[in-house]
Amino acid sequence: MKFRCDGLELSEAISVVSKAISNKTTSQILEGIKMVCADDKLILTATDLEMSIEKTIRAEVYNAGETVVPGRLFGEYIRKLTNEQILCELNEKNQLKISYTDSEGCIQCMEINEFPSLKEIQKDNFFEINKEDFKTLINNVFYAVAQDDSRPILKGILIETNQNTIKAVAVDGCRLSISNKNLVMSTADFKIIVPGKNLNEVVKMLDNEGTVKVFIHSNNIMIDLGDTIIINRLIDGQFINYRQIVPKDFSTVVTINREQLEDAIDRASVLSKIDKNNLVKFDIKEKNLMLTSNSEIGNTKENITVGVKGNDLNISFNSKYFSDCLRVIDNPYIKMNFNSPIQPCVITPCEGNDFVFLILPVKSR
């Protein structure tokens, strides 16, 4: 095995596949990156058995071959060589000799036959979506993915397709997020649960041009980005019936400028964070929304002119939950829908149906 490649391209490729290197494993081989060179290409692969990433870059190949390098060590070493042309050669001791300008280094490689094979994914069933829409779809719900292990199913994002529409759903017990987009095409209707953290890593790799195809086969999905392929194992189980959670009728509907509300909550939360409860109170009356927060060292009041239909209301929320939600909304005006101080707030756009956010209130002191 012998090849030459650009140091910057190699470093960037290592950075991409390293997202699939296992942080917690008893198997040392899962800490490695497999490298295969042939036909003027270098293919790098990493996996934690749940997620696999394969990245292809250009290379001048003198001798085809393959090996597995210690991922983090190799990545750290190559990051120091981004301005170099790198010559890599595997010797008879299973060591990778790395040569650049008048210098060289040597890294002991791992056993290639111990590295797991990637899943074979058939390409019969898939959906296709604009990259920008896919990024928005996942970003709109990812913040509501559960972080603890008490209910593993909630660490996933539910993906549902129906003809040429796609819906993503996430819930963590205190909030629910639903996002809708149109598809370019779909070969069937799908209902799958994908690990949220893995989908978040995928959208970080996407630019805003073109489309992406997502292939579904058995208990896996494959996302093909051209020179990068990501394979994810799906989560088994029954997702919660989110449709039963979202109320359909409301006694108080508030129309408000999204940016004004976000700024007011951010200011009010400065004091609420001091008491570590992040509590912000909403006092809705006539055409005014007053936000208040209190702590041992001070208090704040924010008044916003709003449109109100229905009853006056006093209700309290965790300000972080509201801020997380508002940060991903790009609509200038939203509706906040209420029923009572102990029932959830449902946030929807004033026009369209791109998203639905639900946030549970908290008891105020």
Protein backbone atom coordinates (compact mmCIF):
# COMPACT_ATOMS: atom_id res chain seq x y z
CA MET A 1 0.00 0.00 0.00
CA LYS A 2 1.45 3.31 -1.11
CA PHE A 3 -0.23 6.59 -2.01
CA ARG A 4 0.25 10.34 -2.05
CA CYS A 5 -2.43 12.89 -1.19
CA ASP A 6 -3.00 16.47 -0.08
CA GLY A 7 -2.64 16.96 3.69
CA LEU A 8 -5.60 19.32 3.98
CA GLU A 9 -7.94 16.97 2.07
CA LEU A 10 -6.83 14.04 4.19
CA SER A 11 -7.25 15.99 7.43
CA GLU A 12 -10.77 17.11 6.46
CA ALA A 13 -11.73 13.56 5.49
CA ILE A 14 -10.47 12.22 8.83
CA SER A 15 -12.51 14.89 10.61
CA VAL A 16 -15.66 13.73 8.80
CA VAL A 17 -15.31 9.99 9.42
CA SER A 18 -14.15 10.54 13.01
CA LYS A 19 -17.73 11.45 13.90
CA ALA A 20 -18.43 7.70 13.75
CA ILE A 21 -15.50 6.64 15.93
CA SER A 22 -16.77 5.09 19.13
CA ASN A 23 -16.08 7.04 22.35
CA LYS A 24 -17.13 4.20 24.64
CA THR A 25 -16.05 0.78 23.46
CA THR A 26 -14.25 -2.29 24.71
CA SER A 27 -13.25 -3.11 21.12
CA GLN A 28 -10.06 -1.32 20.13
CA ILE A 29 -10.71 -1.82 16.41
CA LEU A 30 -13.72 0.52 16.62
CA GLU A 31 -11.28 3.31 17.50
CA GLY A 32 -9.65 2.86 14.11
CA ILE A 33 -10.11 4.32 10.65
CA LYS A 34 -9.94 1.92 7.73
CA MET A 35 -8.08 3.23 4.67
CA VAL A 36 -8.33 1.64 1.23
CA CYS A 37 -6.44 3.03 -1.76
CA ALA A 38 -7.00 2.05 -5.40
CA ASP A 39 -7.81 3.66 -8.76
CA ASP A 40 -6.48 7.09 -7.72
CA LYS A 41 -8.86 7.18 -4.74
CA LEU A 42 -8.44 6.89 -1.00
CA ILE A 43 -11.49 5.68 0.92
CA LEU A 44 -11.64 6.25 4.68
CA THR A 45 -14.19 4.48 6.88
CA ALA A 46 -15.08 4.61 10.58
CA THR A 47 -17.90 2.95 12.53
CA ASP A 48 -19.25 2.49 16.03
CA LEU A 49 -21.60 -0.25 14.74
CA GLU A 50 -24.57 2.14 15.06
CA MET A 51 -23.27 4.74 12.60
CA SER A 52 -20.75 4.29 9.78
CA ILE A 53 -19.20 7.01 7.64
CA GLU A 54 -17.25 6.49 4.42
CA LYS A 55 -15.38 9.38 2.79
CA THR A 56 -13.57 9.31 -0.58
CA ILE A 57 -10.79 11.72 -1.59
CA ARG A 58 -8.34 11.99 -4.46
CA ALA A 59 -4.99 10.24 -4.18
CA GLU A 60 -2.07 9.25 -6.39
CA VAL A 61 -1.95 5.50 -5.83
CA TYR A 62 1.33 3.65 -6.45
CA ASN A 63 0.33 0.37 -4.80
CA ALA A 64 -3.27 -0.53 -3.97
CA GLY A 65 -3.91 -1.78 -0.46
CA GLU A 66 -5.69 -1.32 2.82
CA THR A 67 -5.02 -0.90 6.53
CA VAL A 68 -6.56 0.41 9.76
CA VAL A 69 -4.93 3.30 11.61
CA PRO A 70 -5.63 4.47 15.20
CA GLY A 71 -8.23 7.12 14.40
CA ARG A 72 -7.64 9.89 16.90
CA LEU A 73 -3.86 9.60 16.87
CA PHE A 74 -3.72 9.59 13.08
CA GLY A 75 -6.13 12.53 12.89
CA GLU A 76 -4.14 14.60 15.34
CA TYR A 77 -0.90 13.87 13.47
CA ILE A 78 -2.33 14.75 10.03
CA ARG A 79 -3.84 18.01 11.35
CA LYS A 80 -0.26 19.23 11.75
CA LEU A 81 0.39 18.54 8.04
CA THR A 82 -2.41 20.42 6.27
CA ASN A 83 0.08 22.45 4.21
CA GLU A 84 1.97 19.37 3.01
CA GLN A 85 1.80 16.76 0.27
CA ILE A 86 1.84 13.47 2.17
CA LEU A 87 3.28 10.14 1.04
CA CYS A 88 1.95 7.13 2.98
CA GLU A 89 3.41 3.64 2.68
CA LEU A 90 2.59 0.48 4.61
CA ASN A 91 5.65 -1.60 5.50
CA GLU A 92 6.09 -5.30 6.30
CA LYS A 93 5.69 -4.60 10.06
CA ASN A 94 2.16 -3.24 9.47
CA GLN A 95 3.38 0.29 10.14
CA LEU A 96 2.28 3.29 8.12
CA LYS A 97 5.24 5.45 7.15
CA ILE A 98 4.18 9.08 6.63
CA SER A 99 6.63 11.18 4.62
CA TYR A 100 6.44 14.95 3.97
CA THR A 101 9.09 17.39 2.70
CA ASP A 102 12.32 16.10 4.31
CA SER A 103 10.62 14.53 7.37
CA GLU A 104 8.73 11.38 8.20
CA GLY A 105 6.73 9.65 10.92
CA CYS A 106 5.59 6.10 11.54
CA ILE A 107 2.35 4.78 13.09
CA GLN A 108 1.63 1.19 14.07
CA CYS A 109 -1.51 0.00 12.31
CA MET A 110 -4.26 -2.36 13.48
CA GLU A 111 -5.38 -5.71 12.10
CA ILE A 112 -7.43 -5.11 8.95
CA ASN A 113 -9.38 -8.38 9.23
CA GLU A 114 -10.83 -7.27 12.60
CA PHE A 115 -12.51 -4.18 11.16
CA PRO A 116 -16.27 -4.72 10.66
CA SER A 117 -17.72 -4.62 7.15
CA LEU A 118 -20.20 -1.92 6.20
CA LYS A 119 -23.84 -2.94 5.83
CA GLU A 120 -24.93 -3.66 2.27
CA ILE A 121 -27.82 -1.29 1.58
CA GLN A 122 -30.15 -1.94 -1.34
CA LYS A 123 -31.18 1.19 -3.22
CA ASP A 124 -34.74 0.21 -4.16
CA ASN A 125 -36.52 2.24 -1.46
CA PHE A 126 -35.62 5.88 -0.84
CA PHE A 127 -36.83 9.42 -0.56
CA GLU A 128 -35.17 12.50 -2.03
CA ILE A 129 -35.24 15.98 -0.51
CA ASN A 130 -33.56 19.34 -1.04
CA LYS A 131 -30.51 19.61 1.20
CA GLU A 132 -31.61 22.95 2.65
CA ASP A 133 -35.05 21.57 3.48
CA PHE A 134 -33.50 18.50 5.12
CA LYS A 135 -31.26 20.68 7.27
CA THR A 136 -34.22 22.82 8.35
CA LEU A 137 -36.36 19.73 9.01
CA ILE A 138 -33.82 18.23 11.43
CA ASN A 139 -32.70 21.51 13.01
CA ASN A 140 -36.35 22.32 13.81
CA VAL A 141 -36.70 19.24 16.02
CA PHE A 142 -33.24 18.21 17.21
CA TYR A 143 -33.27 20.42 20.32
CA ALA A 144 -36.29 18.46 21.60
CA VAL A 145 -34.58 15.05 21.41
CA ALA A 146 -34.28 13.45 24.85
CA GLN A 147 -30.75 13.35 26.29
CA ASP A 148 -31.15 10.74 29.04
CA ASP A 149 -31.33 6.98 28.65
CA SER A 150 -34.53 6.38 30.62
CA ARG A 151 -36.58 6.10 27.40
CA PRO A 152 -34.19 5.22 24.55
CA ILE A 153 -36.91 5.60 21.92
CA LEU A 154 -37.06 9.34 22.69
CA LYS A 155 -33.38 9.75 21.80
CA GLY A 156 -34.51 9.25 18.22
CA ILE A 157 -36.25 11.43 15.66
CA LEU A 158 -39.38 9.98 14.07
CA ILE A 159 -39.36 10.39 10.28
CA GLU A 160 -42.67 9.90 8.45
CA THR A 161 -43.19 10.28 4.71
CA ASN A 162 -46.51 10.38 2.94
CA GLN A 163 -46.45 10.69 -0.84
CA ASN A 164 -44.38 13.85 -1.39
CA THR A 165 -44.30 15.22 2.18
CA ILE A 166 -42.02 14.44 5.12
CA LYS A 167 -42.53 14.99 8.83
CA ALA A 168 -39.91 14.91 11.61
CA VAL A 169 -40.95 14.58 15.28
CA ALA A 170 -38.95 14.78 18.52
CA VAL A 171 -40.09 14.82 22.15
CA ASP A 172 -38.25 14.80 25.49
CA GLY A 173 -41.15 14.78 27.95
CA CYS A 174 -41.28 18.55 28.45
CA ARG A 175 -41.57 19.68 24.84
CA LEU A 176 -42.57 18.36 21.46
CA SER A 177 -41.39 19.53 18.06
CA ILE A 178 -42.91 18.71 14.67
CA SER A 179 -41.49 19.92 11.35
CA ASN A 180 -42.91 19.45 7.85
CA LYS A 181 -41.32 19.78 4.42
CA ASN A 182 -41.96 18.70 0.84
CA LEU A 183 -40.05 15.91 -0.85
CA VAL A 184 -38.62 15.91 -4.35
CA MET A 185 -39.76 12.29 -4.67
CA SER A 186 -40.36 9.11 -2.71
CA THR A 187 -40.63 5.47 -3.75
CA ALA A 188 -42.93 4.56 -0.83
CA ASP A 189 -44.29 5.80 2.49
CA PHE A 190 -41.86 5.36 5.36
CA LYS A 191 -42.05 5.49 9.16
CA ILE A 192 -38.65 5.15 10.83
CA ILE A 193 -36.87 6.28 14.00
CA VAL A 194 -33.30 7.54 13.53
CA PRO A 195 -30.87 8.36 16.38
CA GLY A 196 -31.11 12.12 16.80
CA LYS A 197 -27.41 12.77 17.44
CA ASN A 198 -26.50 10.97 14.22
CA LEU A 199 -28.94 12.97 12.11
CA ASN A 200 -27.53 16.13 13.67
CA GLU A 201 -24.05 15.12 12.53
CA VAL A 202 -25.38 14.46 9.03
CA VAL A 203 -26.91 17.92 8.60
CA LYS A 204 -23.60 19.49 9.62
CA MET A 205 -22.06 17.88 6.53
CA LEU A 206 -24.68 19.27 4.12
CA ASP A 207 -24.29 22.36 1.99
CA ASN A 208 -27.39 24.19 0.75
CA GLU A 209 -27.25 23.18 -2.91
CA GLY A 210 -28.83 20.19 -4.60
CA THR A 211 -30.70 17.24 -3.15
CA VAL A 212 -29.92 14.26 -0.95
CA LYS A 213 -31.22 10.72 -1.21
CA VAL A 214 -32.00 8.68 1.89
CA PHE A 215 -32.16 4.92 1.27
CA ILE A 216 -34.05 2.64 3.66
CA HIS A 217 -33.24 -1.05 3.83
CA SER A 218 -33.94 -3.55 6.60
CA ASN A 219 -33.07 -1.80 9.89
CA ASN A 220 -30.73 0.78 8.37
CA ILE A 221 -30.71 3.97 6.37
CA MET A 222 -28.00 5.21 4.04
CA ILE A 223 -27.51 8.87 3.19
CA ASP A 224 -25.51 9.37 -0.01
CA LEU A 225 -23.74 12.72 -0.30
CA GLY A 226 -21.61 11.75 -3.28
CA ASP A 227 -18.10 11.50 -1.87
CA THR A 228 -19.50 10.79 1.62
CA ILE A 229 -21.80 7.92 2.61
CA ILE A 230 -23.42 7.69 6.05
CA ILE A 231 -25.13 4.50 7.25
CA ASN A 232 -27.24 4.55 10.42
CA ARG A 233 -28.91 1.76 12.31
CA LEU A 234 -32.55 2.58 13.05
CA ILE A 235 -34.07 2.49 16.54
CA ASP A 236 -36.51 -0.35 17.14
CA GLY A 237 -39.71 0.32 19.03
CA GLN A 238 -42.96 2.25 19.02
CA PHE A 239 -42.71 6.04 19.07
CA ILE A 240 -45.22 7.91 21.20
CA ASN A 241 -48.55 8.84 19.62
CA TYR A 242 -47.70 12.52 19.26
CA ARG A 243 -51.00 13.31 17.54
CA GLN A 244 -52.86 12.69 20.81
CA ILE A 245 -50.63 15.17 22.65
CA VAL A 246 -51.33 18.28 20.56
CA PRO A 247 -54.65 20.00 21.38
CA LYS A 248 -56.83 21.09 18.47
CA ASP A 249 -58.93 23.79 20.17
CA PHE A 250 -57.74 26.73 22.29
CA SER A 251 -59.29 29.33 24.57
CA THR A 252 -56.51 31.93 24.13
CA VAL A 253 -54.60 32.66 20.93
CA VAL A 254 -51.79 35.22 20.91
CA THR A 255 -50.27 36.56 17.69
CA ILE A 256 -46.80 37.99 18.26
CA ASN A 257 -43.63 39.11 16.50
CA ARG A 258 -41.20 36.25 16.90
CA GLU A 259 -38.07 38.40 17.16
CA GLN A 260 -39.60 40.67 19.82
CA LEU A 261 -40.60 37.68 21.92
CA GLU A 262 -37.19 36.04 21.57
CA ASP A 263 -35.36 39.22 22.61
CA ALA A 264 -37.68 39.79 25.57
CA ILE A 265 -37.26 36.22 26.84
CA ASP A 266 -33.49 36.44 26.45
CA ARG A 267 -33.39 39.59 28.58
CA ALA A 268 -35.82 38.24 31.18
CA SER A 269 -33.88 35.00 31.47
CA VAL A 270 -30.71 36.82 32.58
CA LEU A 271 -32.18 37.13 36.08
CA SER A 272 -34.10 33.86 36.08
CA LYS A 273 -30.87 31.92 35.46
CA ILE A 274 -29.46 33.21 38.74
CA ASP A 275 -32.01 31.18 40.69
CA LYS A 276 -31.32 28.26 38.32
CA ASN A 277 -35.00 27.76 37.63
CA ASN A 278 -35.15 29.67 34.31
CA LEU A 279 -38.71 30.65 35.22
CA VAL A 280 -40.42 33.34 33.14
CA LYS A 281 -44.04 34.32 33.75
CA PHE A 282 -46.45 35.31 30.95
CA ASP A 283 -49.29 37.69 31.86
CA ILE A 284 -51.61 37.93 28.84
CA LYS A 285 -54.23 40.66 29.05
CA GLU A 286 -56.10 42.51 26.32
CA LYS A 287 -53.44 43.51 23.74
CA ASN A 288 -50.42 43.12 25.97
CA LEU A 289 -48.05 40.35 26.97
CA MET A 290 -46.00 41.09 30.08
CA LEU A 291 -43.01 38.84 30.78
CA THR A 292 -41.60 38.88 34.30
CA SER A 293 -38.74 37.11 36.00
CA ASN A 294 -37.58 37.35 39.60
CA SER A 295 -34.48 36.37 41.51
CA GLU A 296 -32.93 37.15 44.88
CA ILE A 297 -30.99 40.08 43.43
CA GLY A 298 -33.59 41.67 41.18
CA ASN A 299 -36.50 41.39 38.78
CA THR A 300 -37.44 42.43 35.27
CA LYS A 301 -40.61 43.19 33.31
CA GLU A 302 -40.95 43.14 29.53
CA ASN A 303 -44.09 44.42 27.78
CA ILE A 304 -44.96 43.45 24.20
CA THR A 305 -47.96 44.57 22.19
CA VAL A 306 -49.70 41.49 20.80
CA GLY A 307 -52.91 40.36 19.19
CA VAL A 308 -55.12 38.37 21.57
CA LYS A 309 -58.23 36.33 20.90
CA GLY A 310 -59.94 34.75 23.88
CA ASN A 311 -59.33 34.77 27.63
CA ASP A 312 -56.72 36.53 29.75
CA LEU A 313 -54.11 34.16 31.12
CA ASN A 314 -51.22 33.86 33.60
CA ILE A 315 -48.80 31.03 32.86
CA SER A 316 -45.11 30.25 33.50
CA PHE A 317 -42.44 28.48 31.44
CA ASN A 318 -38.83 27.43 31.51
CA SER A 319 -37.27 30.25 29.48
CA LYS A 320 -34.67 27.93 27.94
CA TYR A 321 -37.38 25.77 26.38
CA PHE A 322 -38.93 28.83 24.76
CA SER A 323 -35.57 30.22 23.60
CA ASP A 324 -34.56 26.90 22.04
CA CYS A 325 -37.80 26.82 20.10
CA LEU A 326 -37.78 30.44 18.92
CA ARG A 327 -34.14 30.21 17.80
CA VAL A 328 -34.97 27.76 15.01
CA ILE A 329 -38.04 29.62 13.70
CA ASP A 330 -37.53 31.92 10.73
CA ASN A 331 -41.16 33.05 10.40
CA PRO A 332 -41.57 36.70 11.44
CA TYR A 333 -44.92 36.15 13.19
CA ILE A 334 -46.13 33.19 15.23
CA LYS A 335 -49.19 32.14 17.19
CA MET A 336 -49.05 30.97 20.79
CA ASN A 337 -52.10 28.86 21.62
CA PHE A 338 -53.24 28.25 25.22
CA ASN A 339 -56.03 26.63 27.21
CA SER A 340 -55.08 26.99 30.88
CA PRO A 341 -52.10 27.66 33.19
CA ILE A 342 -51.50 23.91 33.53
CA GLN A 343 -51.89 22.89 29.90
CA PRO A 344 -49.22 23.17 27.19
CA CYS A 345 -48.56 26.10 24.90
CA VAL A 346 -48.67 25.20 21.21
CA ILE A 347 -46.66 27.42 18.88
CA THR A 348 -47.53 27.52 15.17
CA PRO A 349 -46.71 29.81 12.23
CA CYS A 350 -49.22 32.47 11.32
CA GLU A 351 -49.11 31.16 7.76
CA GLY A 352 -48.39 27.65 6.53
CA ASN A 353 -47.78 24.45 8.47
CA ASP A 354 -43.98 24.14 8.48
CA PHE A 355 -43.80 23.46 12.21
CA VAL A 356 -45.66 22.83 15.46
CA PHE A 357 -43.92 23.28 18.82
CA LEU A 358 -45.45 22.28 22.15
CA ILE A 359 -44.04 23.34 25.52
CA LEU A 360 -45.31 22.29 28.95
CA PRO A 361 -45.73 25.03 31.57
CA VAL A 362 -44.20 24.93 35.04
CA LYS A 363 -45.73 25.82 38.40
CA SER A 364 -44.82 29.34 39.45
CA ARG A 365 -43.91 30.23 42.97
